Amino acid sequence: MKAKKSPLVLNNFILLNNTYKFIQATEDINIIEIMEQYSIDIDFVIQPVNEEFYQLFTKIGINNIDQPLPGYKQFIEGACIFSFDKEAGLSEMDKGTLLHISGLNISINSLRNIVAVITANGPFGKYTLPAIDVNQLLADKKQIIEKQKLSK
């Protein structure tokens, strides 16, 4: 099948922050089972840069809690710079949908790749961030924004 290019254009990805720590296990553990229990926290913000470009900042915390489980503790933050194919003639609603669905997936996947590369040389081997339910992430973000508006 011939792939059709998206009207969403990834102009750049920038790694802004990364902290990594290995937490030694004090007893014999099944690291695969432990990794499946890692807390994963994701937050994001989309901001227009100007009429043409948009920034999507994404932060991911993996096992980044006060009492982390053995293995990897990581916080990673990056930004994607997007624009749109001018010939696509997209509405503002279409642009928003592309940024929120495709853009967020692209941003998470960019950070996922870095997490895998960094942990590949760790004592427990590569950690792959699991697939993320972006629809639920968007619904949770919408709910947080609505609560913030009500508290103002």
Protein backbone atom coordinates (compact mmCIF):
# COMPACT_ATOMS: atom_id res chain seq x y z
CA MET A 1 0.00 0.00 0.00
CA LYS A 2 1.20 3.46 -0.77
CA ALA A 3 1.26 5.68 2.32
CA LYS A 4 -0.33 9.11 2.18
CA LYS A 5 1.52 11.87 4.00
CA SER A 6 -0.32 13.58 6.82
CA PRO A 7 -1.03 17.31 6.56
CA LEU A 8 0.57 17.52 10.05
CA VAL A 9 4.27 18.24 9.56
CA LEU A 10 6.83 17.47 12.27
CA ASN A 11 9.39 20.23 11.86
CA ASN A 12 11.56 19.42 14.86
CA PHE A 13 11.80 17.41 18.05
CA ILE A 14 13.81 18.77 20.97
CA LEU A 15 14.80 16.88 24.11
CA LEU A 16 14.48 19.38 26.97
CA ASN A 17 15.12 17.32 30.09
CA ASN A 18 15.98 13.78 31.07
CA THR A 19 16.74 12.33 34.47
CA TYR A 20 17.47 8.66 34.91
CA LYS A 21 18.18 6.66 38.01
CA PHE A 22 18.59 2.96 38.65
CA ILE A 23 17.11 1.65 41.90
CA GLN A 24 18.76 -1.58 43.05
CA ALA A 25 16.47 -4.40 44.17
CA THR A 26 17.04 -5.58 47.74
CA GLU A 27 15.75 -9.09 47.01
CA ASP A 28 15.24 -11.40 44.07
CA ILE A 29 12.49 -9.99 41.89
CA ASN A 30 10.90 -10.60 38.53
CA ILE A 31 11.89 -7.35 36.83
CA ILE A 32 9.35 -7.81 34.04
CA GLU A 33 6.51 -7.99 36.57
CA ILE A 34 7.93 -4.98 38.45
CA MET A 35 8.23 -2.90 35.26
CA GLU A 36 4.58 -3.63 34.44
CA GLN A 37 3.68 -2.02 37.78
CA TYR A 38 5.58 1.22 37.12
CA SER A 39 3.58 4.38 37.60
CA ILE A 40 3.45 6.31 34.31
CA ASP A 41 2.46 9.97 34.41
CA ILE A 42 2.10 11.98 31.20
CA ASP A 43 1.31 15.64 30.79
CA PHE A 44 1.32 17.87 27.72
CA VAL A 45 0.62 21.41 26.56
CA ILE A 46 0.00 22.66 23.04
CA GLN A 47 0.85 26.28 22.31
CA PRO A 48 0.87 28.26 19.08
CA VAL A 49 4.25 29.78 18.30
CA ASN A 50 2.86 32.00 15.55
CA GLU A 51 0.41 31.70 12.65
CA GLU A 52 2.37 28.80 11.17
CA PHE A 53 3.95 26.77 13.98
CA TYR A 54 2.73 24.98 17.12
CA GLN A 55 4.72 23.61 20.06
CA LEU A 56 3.66 20.44 21.83
CA PHE A 57 5.48 20.02 25.16
CA THR A 58 5.27 16.52 26.63
CA LYS A 59 6.49 15.24 30.00
CA ILE A 60 6.63 11.60 31.02
CA GLY A 61 7.41 10.30 34.49
CA ILE A 62 8.17 6.59 34.73
CA ASN A 63 8.28 5.18 38.25
CA ASN A 64 8.96 8.81 39.19
CA ILE A 65 7.30 8.66 42.61
CA ASP A 66 8.41 9.12 46.23
CA GLN A 67 8.82 5.38 46.84
CA PRO A 68 9.90 4.04 43.43
CA LEU A 69 9.90 0.35 42.64
CA PRO A 70 13.23 -1.35 41.85
CA GLY A 71 14.67 -0.79 38.40
CA TYR A 72 14.36 2.42 36.46
CA LYS A 73 13.12 5.81 37.58
CA GLN A 74 12.96 8.34 34.80
CA PHE A 75 11.60 11.76 33.95
CA ILE A 76 11.80 12.92 30.37
CA GLU A 77 10.52 16.07 28.69
CA GLY A 78 10.51 17.13 25.06
CA ALA A 79 8.91 19.46 22.58
CA CYS A 80 7.73 18.87 19.05
CA ILE A 81 7.37 21.75 16.63
CA PHE A 82 4.58 21.18 14.13
CA SER A 83 3.13 22.99 11.14
CA PHE A 84 0.48 22.06 8.59
CA ASP A 85 0.64 21.51 4.87
CA LYS A 86 -0.78 24.76 3.50
CA GLU A 87 -2.33 23.02 0.52
CA ALA A 88 -4.48 20.79 2.77
CA GLY A 89 -6.92 23.62 3.55
CA LEU A 90 -7.60 22.45 7.10
CA SER A 91 -10.09 24.07 9.44
CA GLU A 92 -8.98 25.10 12.94
CA MET A 93 -10.93 22.14 14.31
CA ASP A 94 -9.10 19.73 11.97
CA LYS A 95 -5.77 21.23 13.01
CA GLY A 96 -6.64 20.84 16.67
CA THR A 97 -7.64 17.23 16.19
CA LEU A 98 -4.43 16.43 14.33
CA LEU A 99 -2.31 18.12 17.00
CA HIS A 100 -4.10 16.39 19.86
CA ILE A 101 -4.24 12.90 18.37
CA SER A 102 -1.39 12.52 15.88
CA GLY A 103 0.86 15.17 17.40
CA LEU A 104 0.60 13.74 20.90
CA ASN A 105 1.29 10.23 19.58
CA ILE A 106 4.35 11.50 17.70
CA SER A 107 5.62 13.29 20.80
CA ILE A 108 5.11 10.28 23.09
CA ASN A 109 6.79 8.00 20.55
CA SER A 110 9.77 10.35 20.26
CA LEU A 111 10.22 10.22 24.03
CA ARG A 112 9.56 6.45 24.07
CA ASN A 113 12.50 5.93 21.73
CA ILE A 114 14.84 7.91 23.97
CA VAL A 115 13.70 5.99 27.07
CA ALA A 116 14.43 2.70 25.26
CA VAL A 117 17.89 3.86 24.17
CA ILE A 118 18.86 5.13 27.64
CA THR A 119 17.68 2.02 29.48
CA ALA A 120 19.11 -0.40 26.89
CA ASN A 121 22.45 -0.16 28.68
CA GLY A 122 20.92 -0.38 32.16
CA PRO A 123 21.32 -3.37 34.48
CA PHE A 124 17.82 -4.71 33.71
CA GLY A 125 17.95 -4.10 29.98
CA LYS A 126 15.73 -1.99 27.77
CA TYR A 127 12.49 -0.59 29.15
CA THR A 128 9.83 0.03 26.54
CA LEU A 129 7.09 2.46 27.48
CA PRO A 130 3.81 0.58 26.96
CA ALA A 131 1.19 1.68 24.45
CA ILE A 132 -0.73 4.67 25.80
CA ASP A 133 -4.47 5.24 25.47
CA VAL A 134 -4.27 8.75 24.01
CA ASN A 135 -8.06 9.15 24.00
CA GLN A 136 -8.14 8.60 27.77
CA LEU A 137 -5.17 10.92 28.21
CA LEU A 138 -7.04 13.64 26.29
CA ALA A 139 -10.23 13.07 28.28
CA ASP A 140 -8.28 13.32 31.57
CA LYS A 141 -6.58 16.52 30.38
CA LYS A 142 -9.93 18.04 29.39
CA GLN A 143 -11.34 17.22 32.82
CA ILE A 144 -8.36 18.85 34.57
CA ILE A 145 -8.72 22.01 32.46
CA GLU A 146 -12.47 22.20 33.21
CA LYS A 147 -11.81 21.88 36.97
CA GLN A 148 -9.21 24.64 36.77
CA LYS A 149 -11.68 26.92 35.00
CA LEU A 150 -14.32 26.27 37.67
CA SER A 151 -11.94 27.04 40.53
CA LYS A 152 -11.04 30.47 39.11
